[in-house]
N, C-alpha and C. Protein backbone atom coordinates (compact mmCIF):
# COMPACT_ATOMS: atom_id res chain seq x y z
N MET A 1 141.58 87.98 167.29
CA MET A 1 140.98 87.23 168.38
C MET A 1 139.56 86.83 167.98
N ASN A 2 139.20 85.61 168.30
CA ASN A 2 137.89 85.08 167.97
C ASN A 2 136.87 85.55 169.00
N ASP A 3 135.72 85.96 168.55
CA ASP A 3 134.69 86.53 169.42
C ASP A 3 133.58 85.52 169.71
N LEU A 4 133.92 84.24 169.87
CA LEU A 4 132.92 83.22 170.15
C LEU A 4 132.52 83.22 171.62
N ASN A 5 131.25 83.05 171.85
CA ASN A 5 130.75 82.94 173.20
C ASN A 5 130.24 81.51 173.37
N ILE A 6 131.07 80.65 173.90
CA ILE A 6 130.75 79.23 174.02
C ILE A 6 130.60 78.90 175.50
N GLY A 7 129.51 78.17 175.82
CA GLY A 7 129.27 77.78 177.20
C GLY A 7 129.00 76.29 177.32
N LEU A 8 129.15 75.78 178.51
CA LEU A 8 128.93 74.35 178.76
C LEU A 8 127.48 73.94 178.56
N ASP A 9 126.55 74.86 178.72
CA ASP A 9 125.14 74.53 178.55
C ASP A 9 124.66 74.62 177.10
N ASP A 10 125.53 74.99 176.18
CA ASP A 10 125.15 75.10 174.78
C ASP A 10 124.52 73.80 174.26
N LYS A 11 124.98 72.68 174.76
CA LYS A 11 124.45 71.39 174.30
C LYS A 11 122.96 71.26 174.57
N TYR A 12 122.45 72.02 175.53
CA TYR A 12 121.03 71.97 175.87
C TYR A 12 120.23 73.17 175.35
N THR A 13 120.92 74.21 174.92
CA THR A 13 120.21 75.43 174.54
C THR A 13 120.39 75.82 173.08
N GLN A 14 121.50 75.47 172.49
CA GLN A 14 121.78 75.89 171.12
C GLN A 14 121.01 74.99 170.14
N ARG A 15 120.30 75.61 169.21
CA ARG A 15 119.50 74.84 168.25
C ARG A 15 120.04 74.92 166.83
N ASN A 16 121.11 75.70 166.62
CA ASN A 16 121.75 75.80 165.31
C ASN A 16 123.24 75.58 165.46
N GLY A 17 123.86 75.07 164.42
CA GLY A 17 125.29 74.85 164.44
C GLY A 17 125.64 73.56 165.15
N ARG A 18 126.89 73.44 165.48
CA ARG A 18 127.40 72.21 166.10
C ARG A 18 127.57 72.37 167.60
N VAL A 19 127.29 71.29 168.29
CA VAL A 19 127.62 71.19 169.71
C VAL A 19 128.29 69.84 169.91
N PHE A 20 129.11 69.77 170.93
CA PHE A 20 129.77 68.51 171.27
C PHE A 20 129.02 67.93 172.46
N ILE A 21 128.61 66.66 172.33
CA ILE A 21 127.69 66.09 173.29
C ILE A 21 128.00 64.60 173.46
N SER A 22 127.88 64.12 174.68
CA SER A 22 128.07 62.69 174.94
C SER A 22 126.75 61.95 174.71
N GLY A 23 126.79 60.64 174.73
CA GLY A 23 125.57 59.86 174.59
C GLY A 23 124.58 60.13 175.70
N PHE A 24 125.06 60.21 176.93
CA PHE A 24 124.16 60.49 178.05
C PHE A 24 123.57 61.89 177.95
N GLN A 25 124.38 62.85 177.50
CA GLN A 25 123.86 64.21 177.32
C GLN A 25 122.81 64.24 176.20
N ALA A 26 122.98 63.42 175.17
CA ALA A 26 121.97 63.33 174.11
C ALA A 26 120.66 62.79 174.67
N LEU A 27 120.75 61.85 175.61
CA LEU A 27 119.54 61.31 176.23
C LEU A 27 118.87 62.34 177.15
N VAL A 28 119.64 63.28 177.67
CA VAL A 28 119.06 64.39 178.44
C VAL A 28 118.41 65.37 177.49
N LEU A 29 119.04 65.63 176.36
CA LEU A 29 118.52 66.58 175.39
C LEU A 29 117.21 66.10 174.77
N LEU A 30 117.05 64.80 174.61
CA LEU A 30 115.87 64.24 173.95
C LEU A 30 114.55 64.74 174.55
N PRO A 31 114.31 64.63 175.87
CA PRO A 31 113.04 65.15 176.39
C PRO A 31 112.92 66.67 176.30
N LEU A 32 114.03 67.39 176.35
CA LEU A 32 113.97 68.84 176.19
C LEU A 32 113.44 69.18 174.79
N LEU A 33 113.95 68.48 173.80
CA LEU A 33 113.48 68.71 172.43
C LEU A 33 112.03 68.28 172.25
N GLN A 34 111.64 67.18 172.91
CA GLN A 34 110.24 66.73 172.81
C GLN A 34 109.30 67.80 173.34
N ARG A 35 109.65 68.38 174.45
CA ARG A 35 108.82 69.45 175.03
C ARG A 35 108.71 70.64 174.08
N GLU A 36 109.83 71.01 173.46
CA GLU A 36 109.81 72.12 172.52
C GLU A 36 108.96 71.80 171.30
N LEU A 37 109.05 70.58 170.78
CA LEU A 37 108.23 70.17 169.64
C LEU A 37 106.74 70.19 170.00
N ASP A 38 106.42 69.70 171.20
CA ASP A 38 105.03 69.71 171.65
C ASP A 38 104.51 71.14 171.75
N GLN A 39 105.31 72.04 172.30
CA GLN A 39 104.89 73.43 172.43
C GLN A 39 104.64 74.06 171.05
N ARG A 40 105.50 73.76 170.09
CA ARG A 40 105.30 74.28 168.72
C ARG A 40 103.99 73.75 168.13
N ALA A 41 103.59 72.55 168.55
CA ALA A 41 102.34 71.95 168.06
C ALA A 41 101.13 72.42 168.86
N GLY A 42 101.35 73.33 169.81
CA GLY A 42 100.25 73.87 170.61
C GLY A 42 99.86 73.00 171.78
N LEU A 43 100.72 72.07 172.19
CA LEU A 43 100.43 71.17 173.31
C LEU A 43 101.16 71.63 174.56
N ASP A 44 100.51 71.46 175.68
CA ASP A 44 101.11 71.74 176.98
C ASP A 44 101.40 70.39 177.63
N THR A 45 102.59 69.87 177.40
CA THR A 45 102.97 68.56 177.93
C THR A 45 103.99 68.72 179.05
N ALA A 46 104.22 67.62 179.73
CA ALA A 46 105.24 67.55 180.77
C ALA A 46 106.06 66.28 180.53
N GLY A 47 107.18 66.17 181.21
CA GLY A 47 108.03 65.00 181.08
C GLY A 47 108.30 64.37 182.42
N PHE A 48 108.57 63.06 182.38
CA PHE A 48 108.90 62.31 183.60
C PHE A 48 109.94 61.26 183.25
N ILE A 49 110.99 61.21 184.05
CA ILE A 49 112.07 60.25 183.83
C ILE A 49 112.32 59.52 185.14
N SER A 50 112.36 58.19 185.07
CA SER A 50 112.67 57.40 186.25
C SER A 50 113.39 56.12 185.82
N GLY A 51 114.20 55.62 186.70
CA GLY A 51 114.94 54.40 186.42
C GLY A 51 115.72 53.97 187.63
N TYR A 52 116.54 52.97 187.41
CA TYR A 52 117.31 52.40 188.51
C TYR A 52 118.75 52.88 188.46
N ARG A 53 119.20 53.48 189.53
CA ARG A 53 120.54 54.08 189.58
C ARG A 53 121.66 53.05 189.50
N GLY A 54 121.38 51.79 189.80
CA GLY A 54 122.41 50.76 189.73
C GLY A 54 122.60 50.21 188.33
N SER A 55 121.92 50.77 187.37
CA SER A 55 121.98 50.31 186.00
C SER A 55 123.33 50.64 185.37
N PRO A 56 123.74 49.83 184.38
CA PRO A 56 124.95 50.20 183.62
C PRO A 56 124.82 51.55 182.93
N ILE A 57 123.61 52.04 182.76
CA ILE A 57 123.45 53.39 182.22
C ILE A 57 123.11 54.37 183.36
N GLY A 58 123.52 54.00 184.57
CA GLY A 58 123.28 54.82 185.74
C GLY A 58 123.95 56.19 185.67
N ARG A 59 124.96 56.33 184.82
CA ARG A 59 125.57 57.66 184.65
C ARG A 59 124.59 58.64 184.04
N TYR A 60 123.53 58.12 183.49
CA TYR A 60 122.45 58.97 182.98
C TYR A 60 121.94 59.87 184.10
N ASP A 61 121.87 59.32 185.33
CA ASP A 61 121.45 60.09 186.50
C ASP A 61 122.30 61.35 186.66
N ALA A 62 123.61 61.17 186.59
CA ALA A 62 124.51 62.31 186.78
C ALA A 62 124.27 63.38 185.73
N ALA A 63 124.07 62.95 184.48
CA ALA A 63 123.82 63.91 183.40
C ALA A 63 122.49 64.63 183.63
N LEU A 64 121.47 63.91 184.10
CA LEU A 64 120.17 64.54 184.38
C LEU A 64 120.29 65.54 185.53
N TRP A 65 121.00 65.17 186.58
CA TRP A 65 121.17 66.10 187.70
C TRP A 65 121.94 67.34 187.29
N GLN A 66 122.95 67.17 186.43
CA GLN A 66 123.72 68.33 185.96
C GLN A 66 122.85 69.27 185.14
N ALA A 67 121.84 68.73 184.48
CA ALA A 67 120.96 69.53 183.63
C ALA A 67 119.65 69.88 184.33
N GLN A 68 119.60 69.77 185.64
CA GLN A 68 118.36 69.95 186.40
C GLN A 68 117.66 71.28 186.09
N THR A 69 118.41 72.34 185.95
CA THR A 69 117.81 73.65 185.65
C THR A 69 117.06 73.60 184.32
N HIS A 70 117.66 72.94 183.33
CA HIS A 70 117.01 72.84 182.02
C HIS A 70 115.78 71.95 182.09
N LEU A 71 115.85 70.87 182.86
CA LEU A 71 114.68 70.01 183.04
C LEU A 71 113.55 70.80 183.69
N ASP A 72 113.88 71.52 184.76
CA ASP A 72 112.87 72.33 185.46
C ASP A 72 112.23 73.35 184.52
N ASP A 73 113.05 74.00 183.69
CA ASP A 73 112.54 75.01 182.76
C ASP A 73 111.60 74.42 181.72
N HIS A 74 111.72 73.11 181.47
CA HIS A 74 110.91 72.44 180.45
C HIS A 74 109.79 71.58 181.06
N GLY A 75 109.59 71.66 182.36
CA GLY A 75 108.52 70.90 182.99
C GLY A 75 108.78 69.40 183.01
N ILE A 76 110.05 69.02 183.19
CA ILE A 76 110.43 67.61 183.19
C ILE A 76 110.89 67.22 184.58
N ILE A 77 110.25 66.20 185.14
CA ILE A 77 110.61 65.71 186.47
C ILE A 77 111.50 64.50 186.33
N PHE A 78 112.61 64.51 187.05
CA PHE A 78 113.49 63.34 187.14
C PHE A 78 113.40 62.80 188.55
N GLN A 79 112.90 61.58 188.69
CA GLN A 79 112.75 60.94 189.99
C GLN A 79 113.30 59.52 189.89
N PRO A 80 114.54 59.29 190.35
CA PRO A 80 115.08 57.93 190.30
C PRO A 80 114.22 56.98 191.13
N GLY A 81 114.12 55.75 190.66
CA GLY A 81 113.35 54.75 191.39
C GLY A 81 114.21 54.04 192.41
N VAL A 82 113.59 53.54 193.46
CA VAL A 82 114.29 52.72 194.45
C VAL A 82 114.74 51.42 193.77
N ASN A 83 113.92 50.93 192.85
CA ASN A 83 114.28 49.78 192.04
C ASN A 83 113.59 49.93 190.68
N GLU A 84 113.87 48.97 189.79
CA GLU A 84 113.31 49.05 188.44
C GLU A 84 111.79 48.99 188.45
N ASP A 85 111.23 48.14 189.32
CA ASP A 85 109.77 47.96 189.36
C ASP A 85 109.05 49.26 189.72
N LEU A 86 109.52 49.92 190.76
CA LEU A 86 108.86 51.16 191.18
C LEU A 86 109.01 52.24 190.11
N ALA A 87 110.17 52.28 189.47
CA ALA A 87 110.36 53.26 188.40
C ALA A 87 109.42 52.98 187.23
N ALA A 88 109.30 51.71 186.84
CA ALA A 88 108.41 51.34 185.73
C ALA A 88 106.96 51.61 186.07
N THR A 89 106.58 51.34 187.31
CA THR A 89 105.20 51.59 187.73
C THR A 89 104.90 53.09 187.73
N ALA A 90 105.86 53.89 188.16
CA ALA A 90 105.68 55.35 188.14
C ALA A 90 105.52 55.86 186.71
N VAL A 91 106.34 55.35 185.80
CA VAL A 91 106.23 55.74 184.40
C VAL A 91 104.88 55.33 183.84
N TRP A 92 104.44 54.13 184.15
CA TRP A 92 103.13 53.64 183.71
C TRP A 92 102.03 54.60 184.19
N GLY A 93 102.14 55.05 185.42
CA GLY A 93 101.15 55.96 185.98
C GLY A 93 101.06 57.28 185.24
N THR A 94 102.17 57.73 184.63
CA THR A 94 102.13 59.01 183.91
C THR A 94 101.27 58.95 182.67
N GLN A 95 100.96 57.75 182.22
CA GLN A 95 100.19 57.59 180.99
C GLN A 95 98.69 57.44 181.24
N GLN A 96 98.27 57.62 182.48
CA GLN A 96 96.87 57.41 182.84
C GLN A 96 96.12 58.72 183.08
N LEU A 97 96.46 59.73 182.31
CA LEU A 97 95.81 61.04 182.45
C LEU A 97 94.30 60.97 182.22
N ASN A 98 93.88 60.02 181.37
CA ASN A 98 92.46 59.92 181.08
C ASN A 98 91.64 59.51 182.29
N MET A 99 92.30 59.07 183.35
CA MET A 99 91.60 58.69 184.58
C MET A 99 91.41 59.86 185.53
N LEU A 100 92.03 60.99 185.20
CA LEU A 100 91.91 62.18 186.04
C LEU A 100 90.76 63.06 185.54
N PRO A 101 90.00 63.64 186.46
CA PRO A 101 88.87 64.47 186.03
C PRO A 101 89.30 65.76 185.32
N ASP A 102 90.42 66.34 185.72
CA ASP A 102 90.85 67.60 185.13
C ASP A 102 92.39 67.64 185.07
N PRO A 103 92.97 66.93 184.10
CA PRO A 103 94.44 66.89 184.04
C PRO A 103 95.04 68.28 183.82
N LYS A 104 96.21 68.52 184.40
CA LYS A 104 96.87 69.82 184.30
C LYS A 104 97.66 69.99 183.01
N VAL A 105 97.95 68.88 182.33
CA VAL A 105 98.70 68.93 181.08
C VAL A 105 97.99 68.08 180.03
N ASP A 106 98.37 68.30 178.77
CA ASP A 106 97.78 67.54 177.66
C ASP A 106 98.32 66.12 177.57
N GLY A 107 99.50 65.90 178.10
CA GLY A 107 100.12 64.59 178.04
C GLY A 107 101.44 64.60 178.76
N VAL A 108 101.97 63.42 179.04
CA VAL A 108 103.28 63.28 179.68
C VAL A 108 104.11 62.31 178.85
N PHE A 109 105.27 62.76 178.42
CA PHE A 109 106.22 61.86 177.77
C PHE A 109 107.17 61.38 178.85
N SER A 110 107.49 60.10 178.83
CA SER A 110 108.27 59.50 179.92
C SER A 110 109.41 58.66 179.39
N ILE A 111 110.44 58.53 180.22
CA ILE A 111 111.57 57.66 179.94
C ILE A 111 111.80 56.78 181.15
N TRP A 112 111.93 55.47 180.91
CA TRP A 112 112.32 54.50 181.94
C TRP A 112 113.66 53.94 181.54
N TYR A 113 114.57 53.78 182.51
CA TYR A 113 115.85 53.16 182.21
C TYR A 113 116.21 52.15 183.29
N GLY A 114 116.88 51.09 182.89
CA GLY A 114 117.31 50.06 183.82
C GLY A 114 118.29 49.12 183.16
N LYS A 115 118.79 48.19 183.92
CA LYS A 115 119.71 47.21 183.35
C LYS A 115 118.93 46.03 182.80
N GLY A 116 119.60 45.22 181.99
CA GLY A 116 118.95 44.09 181.35
C GLY A 116 118.19 43.20 182.31
N PRO A 117 118.81 42.73 183.41
CA PRO A 117 118.04 41.93 184.36
C PRO A 117 116.88 42.71 184.98
N GLY A 118 116.99 44.03 185.01
CA GLY A 118 115.88 44.86 185.51
C GLY A 118 114.68 44.82 184.58
N VAL A 119 114.93 44.65 183.28
CA VAL A 119 113.83 44.49 182.34
C VAL A 119 113.07 43.21 182.69
N ASP A 120 113.84 42.14 182.97
CA ASP A 120 113.21 40.88 183.38
C ASP A 120 112.43 41.07 184.68
N ARG A 121 113.07 41.70 185.65
CA ARG A 121 112.46 41.92 186.96
C ARG A 121 111.18 42.75 186.86
N SER A 122 111.19 43.74 185.98
CA SER A 122 110.07 44.68 185.86
C SER A 122 109.10 44.30 184.75
N GLY A 123 109.23 43.09 184.26
CA GLY A 123 108.40 42.66 183.13
C GLY A 123 106.92 42.87 183.34
N ASP A 124 106.42 42.63 184.55
CA ASP A 124 104.99 42.77 184.81
C ASP A 124 104.56 44.23 184.64
N ALA A 125 105.28 45.15 185.27
CA ALA A 125 104.92 46.57 185.16
C ALA A 125 105.09 47.07 183.72
N LEU A 126 106.16 46.65 183.05
CA LEU A 126 106.38 47.07 181.67
C LEU A 126 105.31 46.51 180.74
N LYS A 127 104.95 45.24 180.95
CA LYS A 127 103.93 44.61 180.10
C LYS A 127 102.57 45.26 180.31
N HIS A 128 102.20 45.49 181.57
CA HIS A 128 100.91 46.14 181.83
C HIS A 128 100.88 47.56 181.29
N GLY A 129 102.00 48.26 181.41
CA GLY A 129 102.07 49.59 180.83
C GLY A 129 101.90 49.55 179.32
N ALA A 130 102.54 48.58 178.67
CA ALA A 130 102.42 48.46 177.22
C ALA A 130 100.99 48.10 176.82
N TYR A 131 100.35 47.19 177.55
CA TYR A 131 98.97 46.82 177.24
C TYR A 131 98.00 47.97 177.49
N SER A 132 98.30 48.79 178.49
CA SER A 132 97.43 49.93 178.78
C SER A 132 97.56 51.03 177.75
N GLY A 133 98.73 51.09 177.12
CA GLY A 133 98.98 52.13 176.12
C GLY A 133 99.38 53.45 176.76
N THR A 134 99.54 54.43 175.93
CA THR A 134 99.95 55.75 176.41
C THR A 134 98.79 56.72 176.24
N SER A 135 98.91 57.84 176.90
CA SER A 135 97.91 58.88 176.70
C SER A 135 98.10 59.44 175.28
N PRO A 136 97.06 60.00 174.67
CA PRO A 136 97.16 60.47 173.28
C PRO A 136 98.32 61.42 173.01
N HIS A 137 98.68 62.24 173.97
CA HIS A 137 99.79 63.18 173.78
C HIS A 137 100.94 62.85 174.71
N GLY A 138 101.07 61.58 175.07
CA GLY A 138 102.16 61.11 175.91
C GLY A 138 103.02 60.13 175.14
N GLY A 139 103.66 59.27 175.87
CA GLY A 139 104.51 58.25 175.26
C GLY A 139 105.58 57.83 176.24
N VAL A 140 106.14 56.66 176.00
CA VAL A 140 107.18 56.11 176.88
C VAL A 140 108.32 55.57 176.03
N LEU A 141 109.52 55.91 176.42
CA LEU A 141 110.74 55.37 175.84
C LEU A 141 111.41 54.52 176.92
N VAL A 142 111.73 53.27 176.59
CA VAL A 142 112.38 52.36 177.53
C VAL A 142 113.83 52.19 177.10
N LEU A 143 114.75 52.45 178.01
CA LEU A 143 116.19 52.31 177.76
C LEU A 143 116.75 51.23 178.66
N THR A 144 117.59 50.37 178.12
CA THR A 144 118.24 49.36 178.94
C THR A 144 119.72 49.29 178.61
N GLY A 145 120.50 48.96 179.62
CA GLY A 145 121.94 48.84 179.44
C GLY A 145 122.39 47.41 179.66
N ASP A 146 123.27 46.95 178.78
CA ASP A 146 123.85 45.62 178.93
C ASP A 146 124.86 45.61 180.07
N ASP A 147 125.07 44.46 180.63
CA ASP A 147 126.06 44.29 181.70
C ASP A 147 126.84 43.01 181.39
N HIS A 148 127.71 43.12 180.40
CA HIS A 148 128.45 41.95 179.90
C HIS A 148 129.27 41.26 180.98
N GLY A 149 129.86 42.03 181.85
CA GLY A 149 130.73 41.47 182.88
C GLY A 149 130.08 41.28 184.23
N ALA A 150 128.78 41.42 184.32
CA ALA A 150 128.04 41.31 185.58
C ALA A 150 128.61 42.25 186.64
N LYS A 151 129.02 43.44 186.23
CA LYS A 151 129.58 44.42 187.15
C LYS A 151 128.53 44.96 188.12
N SER A 152 127.31 45.20 187.61
CA SER A 152 126.26 45.74 188.48
C SER A 152 125.09 44.78 188.61
N SER A 153 125.28 43.54 188.18
CA SER A 153 124.21 42.53 188.21
C SER A 153 124.76 41.23 188.76
N THR A 154 123.88 40.35 189.15
CA THR A 154 124.33 39.03 189.61
C THR A 154 124.61 38.10 188.45
N ILE A 155 124.10 38.42 187.25
CA ILE A 155 124.37 37.64 186.06
C ILE A 155 124.78 38.58 184.93
N ALA A 156 125.62 38.07 184.03
CA ALA A 156 125.99 38.86 182.87
C ALA A 156 124.83 38.89 181.89
N LEU A 157 124.73 39.99 181.15
CA LEU A 157 123.65 40.09 180.17
C LEU A 157 124.10 40.91 178.99
N ALA A 158 123.81 40.40 177.81
CA ALA A 158 124.01 41.13 176.57
C ALA A 158 122.72 41.02 175.78
N SER A 159 122.23 42.11 175.26
CA SER A 159 120.96 42.13 174.55
C SER A 159 120.89 41.09 173.44
N LEU A 160 122.01 40.84 172.80
CA LEU A 160 122.02 39.88 171.71
C LEU A 160 121.79 38.46 172.20
N ASP A 161 121.99 38.21 173.50
CA ASP A 161 121.79 36.87 174.06
C ASP A 161 120.32 36.54 174.22
N GLN A 162 119.47 37.52 174.24
CA GLN A 162 118.07 37.27 174.55
C GLN A 162 117.26 36.90 173.34
């Protein structure tokens, strides 16, 4: 009999050997690993994830909620946006630690996600965030999902079309 102790959370906790993981679970694992790398570098960072639930990558929400305990343990807040603009503006705000007199963390790494037309819709917030830059120990990753069949959008969109 094999004496393996395998659990469903191994994909978020195991750092050696193989784990089986979906693409969405890999996107959940990414900020967990970032936090661990920052801690090894002596940084006290936090994470923030926001996006639009109607996105073609909206299943990312379900994966984040399933991993909520792991996010909490790593100081990562997941707050879905009412729309792409509010989510992008919230992510932009996480990079403005230098405006606070006594920030509680060294930096915030953030993820924004939305659908292709949401990138167009949120262009102002995304552009201003890019021009403002990130905090020295922060950063932002922007994820977008194509909607070839206009299933969750009023128009079809494929990244290669742009």
